[in-house]
Amino acid sequence: MNPESYTTMAEVRAGVDEIDRKLVALLDQRFAHMRAAARIKPERGAVRDEPRKAEVIANARAEAERLGAPAGVIAELWEKLVEASIAYEMNEFDRLKR
């Protein structure tokens, strides 16, 4: 995949679709890590860790800046991703610790 060589929208769309498949697979792996965290953490209050949340978002922003990607957009996406991950982990914690 080299977007610079694309000459048709079909190529662009195929490239985006392939990236989306890979992103979903990576997100699945990320959520598997949330399940592990829910299993390992001793108490529900440990699920939300604001310093870690800030670190994860800052890391994503820094990586976006390094790559020349839109850092503000990436940081906003990561804010939503981390909040969704926390909610998922809370649900998993409750499910596992009943």
C-alpha atoms as a PDB file:
ATOM      1  CA  MET A   1       0.000   0.000   0.000  1.00  0.00           C
ATOM      2  CA  ASN A   2       1.434   3.293  -1.115  1.00  0.00           C
ATOM      3  CA  PRO A   3      -1.150   6.093  -1.232  1.00  0.00           C
ATOM      4  CA  GLU A   4       1.265   8.276  -3.177  1.00  0.00           C
ATOM      5  CA  SER A   5       1.006   5.870  -6.094  1.00  0.00           C
ATOM      6  CA  TYR A   6      -2.799   5.591  -6.130  1.00  0.00           C
ATOM      7  CA  THR A   7      -4.547   6.879  -9.217  1.00  0.00           C
ATOM      8  CA  THR A   8      -8.147   5.869  -8.495  1.00  0.00           C
ATOM      9  CA  MET A   9     -10.629   6.182  -5.660  1.00  0.00           C
ATOM     10  CA  ALA A  10     -11.040   2.401  -5.769  1.00  0.00           C
ATOM     11  CA  GLU A  11      -7.391   2.086  -4.699  1.00  0.00           C
ATOM     12  CA  VAL A  12      -7.884   4.668  -1.931  1.00  0.00           C
ATOM     13  CA  ARG A  13     -10.990   2.872  -0.666  1.00  0.00           C
ATOM     14  CA  ALA A  14      -9.313  -0.534  -0.792  1.00  0.00           C
ATOM     15  CA  GLY A  15      -6.375   0.882   1.160  1.00  0.00           C
ATOM     16  CA  VAL A  16      -8.665   2.433   3.778  1.00  0.00           C
ATOM     17  CA  ASP A  17     -10.621  -0.826   4.091  1.00  0.00           C
ATOM     18  CA  GLU A  18      -7.402  -2.780   4.631  1.00  0.00           C
ATOM     19  CA  ILE A  19      -6.210  -0.324   7.285  1.00  0.00           C
ATOM     20  CA  ASP A  20      -9.607  -0.500   9.003  1.00  0.00           C
ATOM     21  CA  ARG A  21      -9.382  -4.316   9.167  1.00  0.00           C
ATOM     22  CA  LYS A  22      -5.942  -4.023  10.742  1.00  0.00           C
ATOM     23  CA  LEU A  23      -7.094  -1.343  13.194  1.00  0.00           C
ATOM     24  CA  VAL A  24     -10.022  -3.493  14.337  1.00  0.00           C
ATOM     25  CA  ALA A  25      -7.662  -6.436  14.883  1.00  0.00           C
ATOM     26  CA  LEU A  26      -5.338  -4.218  16.913  1.00  0.00           C
ATOM     27  CA  LEU A  27      -8.242  -2.843  18.932  1.00  0.00           C
ATOM     28  CA  ASP A  28      -9.322  -6.401  19.657  1.00  0.00           C
ATOM     29  CA  GLN A  29      -5.836  -7.033  21.078  1.00  0.00           C
ATOM     30  CA  ARG A  30      -6.035  -3.817  23.106  1.00  0.00           C
ATOM     31  CA  PHE A  31      -9.349  -4.862  24.632  1.00  0.00           C
ATOM     32  CA  ALA A  32      -7.851  -8.276  25.457  1.00  0.00           C
ATOM     33  CA  HIS A  33      -5.341  -6.341  27.543  1.00  0.00           C
ATOM     34  CA  MET A  34      -8.235  -4.577  29.276  1.00  0.00           C
ATOM     35  CA  ARG A  35      -9.701  -7.979  30.131  1.00  0.00           C
ATOM     36  CA  ALA A  36      -6.350  -8.986  31.604  1.00  0.00           C
ATOM     37  CA  ALA A  37      -6.216  -5.776  33.626  1.00  0.00           C
ATOM     38  CA  ALA A  38      -9.729  -6.402  34.953  1.00  0.00           C
ATOM     39  CA  ARG A  39      -8.670  -9.890  36.006  1.00  0.00           C
ATOM     40  CA  ILE A  40      -5.434  -8.722  37.657  1.00  0.00           C
ATOM     41  CA  LYS A  41      -6.521  -5.536  39.460  1.00  0.00           C
ATOM     42  CA  PRO A  42      -7.491  -6.241  43.055  1.00  0.00           C
ATOM     43  CA  GLU A  43     -10.225  -3.630  43.393  1.00  0.00           C
ATOM     44  CA  ARG A  44     -12.660  -1.772  41.169  1.00  0.00           C
ATOM     45  CA  GLY A  45     -11.250   1.620  42.168  1.00  0.00           C
ATOM     46  CA  ALA A  46      -7.968   0.668  40.509  1.00  0.00           C
ATOM     47  CA  VAL A  47      -9.620   0.494  37.089  1.00  0.00           C
ATOM     48  CA  ARG A  48      -9.664   4.285  36.600  1.00  0.00           C
ATOM     49  CA  ASP A  49      -6.108   5.601  36.752  1.00  0.00           C
ATOM     50  CA  GLU A  50      -6.066   9.252  35.677  1.00  0.00           C
ATOM     51  CA  PRO A  51      -2.249   9.610  35.635  1.00  0.00           C
ATOM     52  CA  ARG A  52      -1.981   6.535  33.384  1.00  0.00           C
ATOM     53  CA  LYS A  53      -4.789   7.850  31.173  1.00  0.00           C
ATOM     54  CA  ALA A  54      -2.933  11.141  30.713  1.00  0.00           C
ATOM     55  CA  GLU A  55       0.292   9.254  29.965  1.00  0.00           C
ATOM     56  CA  VAL A  56      -1.352   7.068  27.310  1.00  0.00           C
ATOM     57  CA  ILE A  57      -2.893  10.083  25.563  1.00  0.00           C
ATOM     58  CA  ALA A  58       0.375  12.036  25.749  1.00  0.00           C
ATOM     59  CA  ASN A  59       2.238   9.045  24.273  1.00  0.00           C
ATOM     60  CA  ALA A  60      -0.220   8.848  21.380  1.00  0.00           C
ATOM     61  CA  ARG A  61       0.068  12.596  20.760  1.00  0.00           C
ATOM     62  CA  ALA A  62       3.880  12.419  20.803  1.00  0.00           C
ATOM     63  CA  GLU A  63       3.897   9.493  18.372  1.00  0.00           C
ATOM     64  CA  ALA A  64       1.524  11.351  16.054  1.00  0.00           C
ATOM     65  CA  GLU A  65       3.791  14.402  16.165  1.00  0.00           C
ATOM     66  CA  ARG A  66       6.814  12.223  15.433  1.00  0.00           C
ATOM     67  CA  LEU A  67       5.056  10.760  12.398  1.00  0.00           C
ATOM     68  CA  GLY A  68       3.683  14.087  11.178  1.00  0.00           C
ATOM     69  CA  ALA A  69       0.096  12.952  11.770  1.00  0.00           C
ATOM     70  CA  PRO A  70      -2.542  15.373  13.109  1.00  0.00           C
ATOM     71  CA  ALA A  71      -1.632  15.221  16.807  1.00  0.00           C
ATOM     72  CA  GLY A  72      -4.757  17.002  18.055  1.00  0.00           C
ATOM     73  CA  VAL A  73      -7.028  14.621  16.194  1.00  0.00           C
ATOM     74  CA  ILE A  74      -5.081  11.618  17.457  1.00  0.00           C
ATOM     75  CA  ALA A  75      -5.242  12.908  21.051  1.00  0.00           C
ATOM     76  CA  GLU A  76      -9.030  13.339  20.757  1.00  0.00           C
ATOM     77  CA  LEU A  77      -9.405   9.823  19.381  1.00  0.00           C
ATOM     78  CA  TRP A  78      -7.247   8.436  22.179  1.00  0.00           C
ATOM     79  CA  GLU A  79      -9.306  10.278  24.789  1.00  0.00           C
ATOM     80  CA  LYS A  80     -12.381   8.460  23.486  1.00  0.00           C
ATOM     81  CA  LEU A  81     -10.512   5.166  23.140  1.00  0.00           C
ATOM     82  CA  VAL A  82      -9.187   5.312  26.688  1.00  0.00           C
ATOM     83  CA  GLU A  83     -12.602   6.214  28.122  1.00  0.00           C
ATOM     84  CA  ALA A  84     -14.185   3.342  26.181  1.00  0.00           C
ATOM     85  CA  SER A  85     -11.428   1.048  27.442  1.00  0.00           C
ATOM     86  CA  ILE A  86     -12.053   2.107  31.044  1.00  0.00           C
ATOM     87  CA  ALA A  87     -15.787   1.480  30.676  1.00  0.00           C
ATOM     88  CA  TYR A  88     -15.091  -1.923  29.128  1.00  0.00           C
ATOM     89  CA  GLU A  89     -12.625  -2.815  31.877  1.00  0.00           C
ATOM     90  CA  MET A  90     -15.147  -1.757  34.560  1.00  0.00           C
ATOM     91  CA  ASN A  91     -17.744  -4.064  33.018  1.00  0.00           C
ATOM     92  CA  GLU A  92     -15.240  -6.898  32.824  1.00  0.00           C
ATOM     93  CA  PHE A  93     -14.152  -6.315  36.412  1.00  0.00           C
ATOM     94  CA  ASP A  94     -17.757  -6.480  37.584  1.00  0.00           C
ATOM     95  CA  ARG A  95     -18.400  -9.602  35.506  1.00  0.00           C
ATOM     96  CA  LEU A  96     -15.322 -11.390  36.806  1.00  0.00           C
ATOM     97  CA  LYS A  97     -15.560 -10.379  40.454  1.00  0.00           C
ATOM     98  CA  ARG A  98     -19.244 -11.148  41.075  1.00  0.00           C
END
